Amino acid sequence: MAWMEGTRRLREIFLSLGWERNDDFRVYSVSKGSIRIAVCNTNDGTGMEFQQPKNRNKKGPGTDLAVSLNQGVFSVILEEAMNIVPPSSSPEGISYWYLCVFCEDETVRAELSCPLEFENGFFTSFRDRIILIGGDDNNLITRRSQNPDGDSDYGIVVTRKQA
């Protein structure tokens, strides 16, 4: 349910910002231009600088195809640098990014990552990783803050909208 709810929320937020729903290759994502973002539940390597996230559940051939497009992005950059015109049938410049989320007990970590290699249904390496919520300098976990009485640490001010 976490993946499904994450995808739903990703779409709620990004569609209101002008992104589009994308289901190419049965990889459920949002897209804008050549960028695609999908949600993935990942292991405890998520958000850790000296570890890598690994998807918790085996992915299928659609994800394999999406990751292969990420490999093609490098060849497009290389071809442009060498003034070579790529064939018109190539999906020029499309890249798939994954919002990798690790959530266990009170521990939450997240990163936006662009997988480069995919083997036997699992990510094996990444071109880029942007840690959004991670461990500290000692690779310790970051925990959600919560007051003992159950309230959040954030004071929310509600005001009436001026007409």
N, C-alpha and C. Protein backbone atom coordinates (compact mmCIF):
# COMPACT_ATOMS: atom_id res chain seq x y z
N MET A 1 0.81 -1.20 0.00
CA MET A 1 0.00 0.00 0.00
C MET A 1 0.86 1.27 0.00
N ALA A 2 2.07 1.21 0.57
CA ALA A 2 2.91 2.41 0.65
C ALA A 2 3.27 2.92 -0.73
N TRP A 3 3.64 2.01 -1.64
CA TRP A 3 3.99 2.41 -3.00
C TRP A 3 2.79 3.06 -3.69
N MET A 4 1.63 2.43 -3.55
CA MET A 4 0.43 2.95 -4.21
C MET A 4 0.06 4.33 -3.66
N GLU A 5 0.09 4.48 -2.34
CA GLU A 5 -0.24 5.77 -1.73
C GLU A 5 0.82 6.83 -2.09
N GLY A 6 2.08 6.42 -2.16
CA GLY A 6 3.14 7.34 -2.55
C GLY A 6 2.97 7.84 -3.97
N THR A 7 2.61 6.93 -4.88
CA THR A 7 2.37 7.30 -6.28
C THR A 7 1.17 8.24 -6.38
N ARG A 8 0.13 7.92 -5.64
CA ARG A 8 -1.06 8.78 -5.65
C ARG A 8 -0.72 10.19 -5.18
N ARG A 9 0.02 10.28 -4.09
CA ARG A 9 0.36 11.59 -3.54
C ARG A 9 1.33 12.35 -4.45
N LEU A 10 2.29 11.63 -5.04
CA LEU A 10 3.21 12.25 -6.00
C LEU A 10 2.42 12.89 -7.13
N ARG A 11 1.44 12.16 -7.64
CA ARG A 11 0.62 12.69 -8.73
C ARG A 11 -0.23 13.87 -8.28
N GLU A 12 -0.80 13.80 -7.10
CA GLU A 12 -1.60 14.92 -6.60
C GLU A 12 -0.77 16.20 -6.57
N ILE A 13 0.44 16.11 -6.07
CA ILE A 13 1.29 17.29 -5.94
C ILE A 13 1.80 17.75 -7.30
N PHE A 14 2.39 16.84 -8.09
CA PHE A 14 3.04 17.24 -9.34
C PHE A 14 2.05 17.63 -10.44
N LEU A 15 0.89 16.99 -10.50
CA LEU A 15 -0.09 17.36 -11.54
C LEU A 15 -0.58 18.79 -11.33
N SER A 16 -0.68 19.22 -10.07
CA SER A 16 -1.10 20.59 -9.80
C SER A 16 -0.01 21.60 -10.18
N LEU A 17 1.22 21.11 -10.41
CA LEU A 17 2.34 21.98 -10.80
C LEU A 17 2.61 21.92 -12.30
N GLY A 18 1.70 21.30 -13.06
CA GLY A 18 1.85 21.27 -14.51
C GLY A 18 2.49 20.02 -15.07
N TRP A 19 2.81 19.05 -14.23
CA TRP A 19 3.36 17.78 -14.70
C TRP A 19 2.20 16.94 -15.25
N GLU A 20 2.52 15.85 -15.94
CA GLU A 20 1.49 14.97 -16.50
C GLU A 20 1.63 13.57 -15.94
N ARG A 21 0.52 12.87 -15.94
CA ARG A 21 0.50 11.46 -15.54
C ARG A 21 1.17 10.66 -16.66
N ASN A 22 2.00 9.68 -16.30
CA ASN A 22 2.67 8.86 -17.30
C ASN A 22 2.67 7.41 -16.85
N ASP A 23 2.25 6.50 -17.73
CA ASP A 23 2.20 5.08 -17.42
C ASP A 23 2.99 4.26 -18.45
N ASP A 24 3.93 4.89 -19.17
CA ASP A 24 4.72 4.17 -20.17
C ASP A 24 5.40 2.96 -19.53
N PHE A 25 5.42 1.87 -20.25
CA PHE A 25 6.06 0.61 -19.83
C PHE A 25 5.47 0.04 -18.54
N ARG A 26 4.28 0.53 -18.15
CA ARG A 26 3.64 0.15 -16.89
C ARG A 26 4.49 0.58 -15.68
N VAL A 27 5.26 1.63 -15.87
CA VAL A 27 5.98 2.28 -14.78
C VAL A 27 5.18 3.53 -14.47
N TYR A 28 4.46 3.53 -13.36
CA TYR A 28 3.52 4.60 -13.04
C TYR A 28 4.27 5.78 -12.46
N SER A 29 4.22 6.90 -13.19
CA SER A 29 5.06 8.05 -12.86
C SER A 29 4.37 9.35 -13.22
N VAL A 30 5.10 10.44 -13.00
CA VAL A 30 4.71 11.76 -13.50
C VAL A 30 5.79 12.18 -14.48
N SER A 31 5.44 13.04 -15.43
CA SER A 31 6.43 13.46 -16.43
C SER A 31 6.28 14.94 -16.75
N LYS A 32 7.42 15.51 -17.09
CA LYS A 32 7.45 16.87 -17.61
C LYS A 32 8.64 16.91 -18.56
N GLY A 33 8.36 17.16 -19.83
CA GLY A 33 9.42 17.12 -20.82
C GLY A 33 10.00 15.72 -20.89
N SER A 34 11.29 15.61 -20.72
CA SER A 34 11.96 14.30 -20.83
C SER A 34 12.20 13.64 -19.47
N ILE A 35 11.70 14.23 -18.39
CA ILE A 35 11.92 13.70 -17.04
C ILE A 35 10.69 12.92 -16.59
N ARG A 36 10.93 11.74 -16.03
CA ARG A 36 9.89 10.90 -15.44
C ARG A 36 10.29 10.63 -13.99
N ILE A 37 9.31 10.69 -13.08
CA ILE A 37 9.57 10.38 -11.66
C ILE A 37 8.55 9.36 -11.20
N ALA A 38 9.05 8.26 -10.62
CA ALA A 38 8.21 7.19 -10.08
C ALA A 38 8.60 6.99 -8.61
N VAL A 39 7.73 6.32 -7.86
CA VAL A 39 7.97 6.04 -6.44
C VAL A 39 8.42 4.59 -6.30
N CYS A 40 9.36 4.35 -5.37
CA CYS A 40 9.83 2.99 -5.14
C CYS A 40 10.13 2.80 -3.65
N ASN A 41 9.59 1.73 -3.06
CA ASN A 41 9.96 1.37 -1.69
C ASN A 41 11.33 0.71 -1.74
N THR A 42 12.25 1.21 -0.92
CA THR A 42 13.62 0.72 -0.97
C THR A 42 14.11 0.32 0.42
N ASN A 43 15.30 -0.27 0.47
CA ASN A 43 15.85 -0.79 1.73
C ASN A 43 16.56 0.30 2.53
N ASP A 44 17.28 -0.14 3.58
CA ASP A 44 17.92 0.80 4.50
C ASP A 44 19.17 1.48 3.94
N GLY A 45 19.56 1.20 2.71
CA GLY A 45 20.64 1.93 2.07
C GLY A 45 20.19 3.30 1.57
N THR A 46 18.89 3.52 1.58
CA THR A 46 18.31 4.78 1.11
C THR A 46 18.73 5.93 2.01
N GLY A 47 19.18 7.02 1.39
CA GLY A 47 19.55 8.21 2.14
C GLY A 47 20.87 8.11 2.85
N MET A 48 21.63 7.06 2.61
CA MET A 48 22.92 6.86 3.25
C MET A 48 24.01 7.07 2.20
N GLU A 49 24.93 7.99 2.48
CA GLU A 49 25.93 8.39 1.51
C GLU A 49 26.80 7.23 1.02
N PHE A 50 27.20 6.34 1.90
CA PHE A 50 28.13 5.28 1.53
C PHE A 50 27.45 3.93 1.29
N GLN A 51 26.14 3.95 1.10
CA GLN A 51 25.38 2.76 0.75
C GLN A 51 24.51 3.11 -0.45
N GLN A 52 23.85 2.13 -1.02
CA GLN A 52 22.94 2.38 -2.14
C GLN A 52 21.57 1.81 -1.83
N PRO A 53 20.53 2.48 -2.29
CA PRO A 53 19.20 1.90 -2.10
C PRO A 53 19.00 0.70 -3.02
N LYS A 54 18.19 -0.21 -2.58
CA LYS A 54 17.82 -1.37 -3.39
C LYS A 54 16.31 -1.53 -3.24
N ASN A 55 15.63 -1.68 -4.36
CA ASN A 55 14.18 -1.82 -4.28
C ASN A 55 13.82 -3.06 -3.46
N ARG A 56 12.78 -2.93 -2.64
CA ARG A 56 12.36 -4.03 -1.76
C ARG A 56 11.70 -5.15 -2.55
N ASN A 57 11.01 -4.80 -3.61
CA ASN A 57 10.30 -5.80 -4.41
C ASN A 57 10.89 -5.84 -5.81
N LYS A 58 10.94 -7.04 -6.35
CA LYS A 58 11.49 -7.24 -7.68
C LYS A 58 10.64 -6.49 -8.71
N LYS A 59 11.31 -5.79 -9.60
CA LYS A 59 10.64 -5.03 -10.67
C LYS A 59 10.66 -5.85 -11.95
N GLY A 60 9.80 -5.48 -12.88
CA GLY A 60 9.65 -6.23 -14.12
C GLY A 60 10.34 -5.60 -15.32
N PRO A 61 9.97 -6.09 -16.50
CA PRO A 61 10.63 -5.64 -17.72
C PRO A 61 10.39 -4.16 -18.04
N GLY A 62 9.30 -3.58 -17.58
CA GLY A 62 9.06 -2.15 -17.81
C GLY A 62 10.12 -1.30 -17.13
N THR A 63 10.47 -1.65 -15.90
CA THR A 63 11.51 -0.93 -15.18
C THR A 63 12.86 -1.15 -15.85
N ASP A 64 13.08 -2.37 -16.34
CA ASP A 64 14.32 -2.66 -17.06
C ASP A 64 14.45 -1.74 -18.28
N LEU A 65 13.37 -1.57 -19.00
CA LEU A 65 13.38 -0.69 -20.17
C LEU A 65 13.59 0.77 -19.76
N ALA A 66 12.93 1.19 -18.68
CA ALA A 66 13.09 2.57 -18.20
C ALA A 66 14.54 2.85 -17.82
N VAL A 67 15.18 1.91 -17.12
CA VAL A 67 16.57 2.09 -16.72
C VAL A 67 17.48 2.11 -17.95
N SER A 68 17.15 1.31 -18.95
CA SER A 68 17.97 1.31 -20.17
C SER A 68 17.89 2.67 -20.87
N LEU A 69 16.77 3.38 -20.73
CA LEU A 69 16.68 4.74 -21.28
C LEU A 69 17.66 5.66 -20.57
N ASN A 70 17.85 5.45 -19.26
CA ASN A 70 18.82 6.27 -18.52
C ASN A 70 20.23 6.06 -19.06
N GLN A 71 20.53 4.86 -19.51
CA GLN A 71 21.84 4.60 -20.11
C GLN A 71 21.94 5.34 -21.44
N GLY A 72 20.83 5.44 -22.17
CA GLY A 72 20.81 6.12 -23.45
C GLY A 72 21.01 7.61 -23.34
N VAL A 73 20.65 8.20 -22.19
CA VAL A 73 20.83 9.64 -21.99
C VAL A 73 22.30 9.99 -22.11
N PHE A 74 23.18 9.15 -21.56
CA PHE A 74 24.61 9.41 -21.66
C PHE A 74 25.06 9.38 -23.12
N SER A 75 24.54 8.42 -23.89
CA SER A 75 24.95 8.33 -25.29
C SER A 75 24.46 9.53 -26.08
N VAL A 76 23.29 10.08 -25.74
CA VAL A 76 22.79 11.28 -26.41
C VAL A 76 23.72 12.46 -26.13
N ILE A 77 24.15 12.60 -24.86
CA ILE A 77 25.07 13.69 -24.50
C ILE A 77 26.38 13.53 -25.26
N LEU A 78 26.88 12.29 -25.31
CA LEU A 78 28.12 12.03 -26.02
C LEU A 78 27.99 12.32 -27.51
N GLU A 79 26.87 11.90 -28.11
CA GLU A 79 26.65 12.14 -29.54
C GLU A 79 26.57 13.63 -29.84
N GLU A 80 25.90 14.40 -28.94
CA GLU A 80 25.81 15.84 -29.15
C GLU A 80 27.18 16.49 -29.06
N ALA A 81 28.01 16.01 -28.13
CA ALA A 81 29.35 16.57 -27.99
C ALA A 81 30.20 16.29 -29.23
N MET A 82 29.92 15.19 -29.90
CA MET A 82 30.70 14.81 -31.08
C MET A 82 29.99 15.22 -32.38
N ASN A 83 28.88 15.99 -32.25
CA ASN A 83 28.09 16.45 -33.39
C ASN A 83 27.56 15.31 -34.25
N ILE A 84 27.16 14.23 -33.62
CA ILE A 84 26.56 13.09 -34.32
C ILE A 84 25.05 13.20 -34.15
N VAL A 85 24.31 13.06 -35.22
CA VAL A 85 22.86 13.12 -35.15
C VAL A 85 22.34 11.75 -34.76
N PRO A 86 21.64 11.64 -33.60
CA PRO A 86 21.12 10.33 -33.19
C PRO A 86 19.97 9.89 -34.10
N PRO A 87 19.73 8.60 -34.23
CA PRO A 87 18.62 8.12 -35.05
C PRO A 87 17.29 8.64 -34.52
N SER A 88 16.36 8.92 -35.40
CA SER A 88 15.09 9.53 -34.99
C SER A 88 14.24 8.59 -34.14
N SER A 89 14.49 7.30 -34.18
CA SER A 89 13.68 6.36 -33.41
C SER A 89 14.09 6.29 -31.94
N SER A 90 15.22 6.89 -31.56
CA SER A 90 15.65 6.80 -30.16
C SER A 90 14.81 7.73 -29.30
N PRO A 91 14.48 7.30 -28.07
CA PRO A 91 13.72 8.14 -27.15
C PRO A 91 14.64 9.19 -26.54
N GLU A 92 15.01 10.14 -27.35
CA GLU A 92 16.05 11.12 -27.06
C GLU A 92 15.90 11.81 -25.71
N GLY A 93 16.87 11.57 -24.85
CA GLY A 93 16.96 12.32 -23.61
C GLY A 93 16.00 11.96 -22.50
N ILE A 94 15.15 10.97 -22.65
CA ILE A 94 14.21 10.63 -21.58
C ILE A 94 14.98 9.97 -20.45
N SER A 95 14.73 10.42 -19.22
CA SER A 95 15.35 9.78 -18.06
C SER A 95 14.31 9.54 -16.98
N TYR A 96 14.44 8.38 -16.35
CA TYR A 96 13.56 7.98 -15.26
C TYR A 96 14.27 8.16 -13.94
N TRP A 97 13.64 8.87 -13.03
CA TRP A 97 14.13 9.07 -11.68
C TRP A 97 13.16 8.36 -10.74
N TYR A 98 13.67 7.89 -9.62
CA TYR A 98 12.84 7.22 -8.63
C TYR A 98 12.94 7.94 -7.30
N LEU A 99 11.77 8.22 -6.73
CA LEU A 99 11.70 8.72 -5.37
C LEU A 99 11.79 7.48 -4.50
N CYS A 100 13.00 7.21 -4.00
CA CYS A 100 13.26 6.02 -3.19
C CYS A 100 12.91 6.35 -1.74
N VAL A 101 12.06 5.53 -1.13
CA VAL A 101 11.60 5.79 0.23
C VAL A 101 11.85 4.57 1.10
N PHE A 102 12.50 4.79 2.24
CA PHE A 102 12.69 3.77 3.25
C PHE A 102 11.95 4.23 4.50
N CYS A 103 11.05 3.41 4.99
CA CYS A 103 10.27 3.75 6.18
C CYS A 103 10.10 2.47 7.00
N GLU A 104 10.67 2.49 8.19
CA GLU A 104 10.56 1.33 9.08
C GLU A 104 10.50 1.84 10.51
N ASP A 105 9.48 1.44 11.23
CA ASP A 105 9.24 1.94 12.58
C ASP A 105 9.22 3.47 12.54
N GLU A 106 10.10 4.13 13.28
CA GLU A 106 10.15 5.59 13.30
C GLU A 106 11.19 6.16 12.33
N THR A 107 11.86 5.31 11.58
CA THR A 107 12.92 5.75 10.68
C THR A 107 12.37 6.02 9.29
N VAL A 108 12.65 7.21 8.77
CA VAL A 108 12.24 7.58 7.42
C VAL A 108 13.43 8.21 6.71
N ARG A 109 13.73 7.69 5.51
CA ARG A 109 14.77 8.30 4.68
C ARG A 109 14.26 8.29 3.24
N ALA A 110 14.69 9.29 2.46
CA ALA A 110 14.24 9.38 1.07
C ALA A 110 15.32 10.03 0.22
N GLU A 111 15.33 9.63 -1.04
CA GLU A 111 16.24 10.23 -2.00
C GLU A 111 15.61 10.16 -3.38
N LEU A 112 16.04 11.05 -4.25
CA LEU A 112 15.63 11.06 -5.64
C LEU A 112 16.82 10.55 -6.43
N SER A 113 16.66 9.39 -7.08
CA SER A 113 17.81 8.73 -7.70
C SER A 113 17.50 8.31 -9.13
N CYS A 114 18.55 8.35 -9.95
CA CYS A 114 18.45 7.96 -11.35
C CYS A 114 19.24 6.67 -11.54
N PRO A 115 18.54 5.51 -11.61
CA PRO A 115 19.26 4.24 -11.74
C PRO A 115 19.92 4.11 -13.10
N LEU A 116 21.11 3.53 -13.10
CA LEU A 116 21.86 3.34 -14.33
C LEU A 116 21.93 1.88 -14.73
N GLU A 117 21.92 0.98 -13.75
CA GLU A 117 21.97 -0.45 -14.04
C GLU A 117 20.89 -1.18 -13.26
N PHE A 118 20.42 -2.27 -13.86
CA PHE A 118 19.30 -3.04 -13.35
C PHE A 118 19.58 -4.51 -13.65
N GLU A 119 19.55 -5.36 -12.61
CA GLU A 119 19.84 -6.77 -12.79
C GLU A 119 18.88 -7.63 -12.00
N ASN A 120 18.32 -8.65 -12.63
CA ASN A 120 17.43 -9.60 -11.96
C ASN A 120 16.30 -8.92 -11.18
N GLY A 121 15.80 -7.80 -11.70
CA GLY A 121 14.67 -7.12 -11.08
C GLY A 121 15.04 -6.10 -10.02
N PHE A 122 16.34 -5.82 -9.83
CA PHE A 122 16.76 -4.90 -8.78
C PHE A 122 17.76 -3.87 -9.32
N PHE A 123 17.69 -2.63 -8.77
CA PHE A 123 18.66 -1.60 -9.13
C PHE A 123 20.03 -2.02 -8.59
N THR A 124 21.08 -1.83 -9.41
CA THR A 124 22.42 -2.19 -8.96
C THR A 124 23.37 -1.00 -8.92
N SER A 125 23.10 0.05 -9.69
CA SER A 125 23.92 1.26 -9.61
C SER A 125 23.11 2.46 -10.08
N PHE A 126 23.59 3.63 -9.70
CA PHE A 126 22.87 4.88 -9.99
C PHE A 126 23.79 5.89 -10.63
N ARG A 127 23.24 6.66 -11.57
CA ARG A 127 23.99 7.74 -12.19
C ARG A 127 24.06 8.93 -11.24
N ASP A 128 22.92 9.27 -10.65
CA ASP A 128 22.83 10.40 -9.72
C ASP A 128 21.95 10.02 -8.55
N ARG A 129 22.29 10.56 -7.37
CA ARG A 129 21.47 10.37 -6.16
C ARG A 129 21.39 11.71 -5.44
N ILE A 130 20.17 12.15 -5.16
CA ILE A 130 19.95 13.38 -4.41
C ILE A 130 19.28 12.98 -3.10
N ILE A 131 20.02 13.05 -2.01
CA ILE A 131 19.48 12.63 -0.72
C ILE A 131 18.58 13.74 -0.18
N LEU A 132 17.32 13.40 0.06
CA LEU A 132 16.34 14.36 0.55
C LEU A 132 16.24 14.31 2.07
N ILE A 133 16.09 13.11 2.61
CA ILE A 133 16.06 12.89 4.06
C ILE A 133 17.01 11.73 4.31
N GLY A 134 18.11 11.99 5.01
CA GLY A 134 19.09 10.93 5.17
C GLY A 134 19.64 10.85 6.57
N GLY A 135 20.64 9.97 6.72
CA GLY A 135 21.34 9.83 7.99
C GLY A 135 22.28 11.01 8.18
N ASP A 136 22.79 11.17 9.39
CA ASP A 136 23.71 12.28 9.63
C ASP A 136 25.12 11.90 9.19
N ASP A 137 26.11 12.72 9.54
CA ASP A 137 27.49 12.50 9.10
C ASP A 137 28.04 11.15 9.52
N ASN A 138 27.53 10.59 10.59
CA ASN A 138 28.01 9.29 11.07
C ASN A 138 27.16 8.15 10.54
N ASN A 139 26.37 8.41 9.50
CA ASN A 139 25.47 7.42 8.92
C ASN A 139 24.45 6.90 9.93
N LEU A 140 24.12 7.73 10.90
CA LEU A 140 23.07 7.35 11.84
C LEU A 140 21.72 7.69 11.22
N ILE A 141 20.68 7.14 11.74
CA ILE A 141 19.36 7.34 11.17
C ILE A 141 18.78 8.69 11.57
N THR A 142 17.89 9.18 10.75
CA THR A 142 17.12 10.37 11.05
C THR A 142 15.72 9.91 11.42
N ARG A 143 15.22 10.38 12.52
CA ARG A 143 13.90 9.95 12.97
C ARG A 143 12.89 11.08 12.83
N ARG A 144 11.64 10.70 12.59
CA ARG A 144 10.57 11.69 12.58
C ARG A 144 10.45 12.26 13.98
N SER A 145 10.37 13.58 14.07
CA SER A 145 10.23 14.17 15.40
C SER A 145 8.76 14.17 15.81
N GLN A 146 8.54 13.87 17.06
CA GLN A 146 7.18 13.83 17.57
C GLN A 146 7.22 14.20 19.04
N ASN A 147 6.33 15.08 19.44
CA ASN A 147 6.22 15.44 20.84
C ASN A 147 5.62 14.28 21.62
N PRO A 148 5.94 14.16 22.90
CA PRO A 148 5.38 13.08 23.71
C PRO A 148 3.86 13.06 23.73
N ASP A 149 3.24 14.24 23.60
CA ASP A 149 1.77 14.28 23.62
C ASP A 149 1.15 13.99 22.26
N GLY A 150 1.97 13.67 21.25
CA GLY A 150 1.45 13.28 19.95
C GLY A 150 1.31 14.40 18.95
N ASP A 151 1.50 15.65 19.39
CA ASP A 151 1.41 16.77 18.46
C ASP A 151 2.70 16.89 17.66
N SER A 152 2.61 17.49 16.48
CA SER A 152 3.82 17.72 15.68
C SER A 152 4.61 18.88 16.28
N ASP A 153 5.86 19.00 15.85
CA ASP A 153 6.71 20.10 16.33
C ASP A 153 6.45 21.40 15.60
N TYR A 154 5.56 21.40 14.64
CA TYR A 154 5.34 22.58 13.82
C TYR A 154 4.08 23.30 14.27
N GLY A 155 4.21 24.60 14.51
CA GLY A 155 3.04 25.40 14.82
C GLY A 155 2.38 25.83 13.52
N ILE A 156 1.12 25.53 13.37
CA ILE A 156 0.42 25.85 12.14
C ILE A 156 -0.52 27.01 12.43
N VAL A 157 -0.32 28.10 11.69
CA VAL A 157 -1.15 29.28 11.85
C VAL A 157 -2.22 29.25 10.77
N VAL A 158 -3.48 29.37 11.17
CA VAL A 158 -4.60 29.37 10.23
C VAL A 158 -5.20 30.77 10.24
N THR A 159 -5.29 31.39 9.06
CA THR A 159 -5.90 32.71 8.95
C THR A 159 -6.93 32.69 7.85
N ARG A 160 -7.89 33.57 7.95
CA ARG A 160 -8.94 33.67 6.96
C ARG A 160 -8.39 34.37 5.71
N LYS A 161 -8.72 33.86 4.54
CA LYS A 161 -8.28 34.44 3.27
C LYS A 161 -8.96 35.78 3.08
N GLN A 162 -8.16 36.79 2.70
CA GLN A 162 -8.70 38.13 2.46
C GLN A 162 -9.31 38.20 1.07
N ALA A 163 -10.48 38.75 0.96
CA ALA A 163 -11.16 38.84 -0.34
C ALA A 163 -10.70 40.02 -1.15
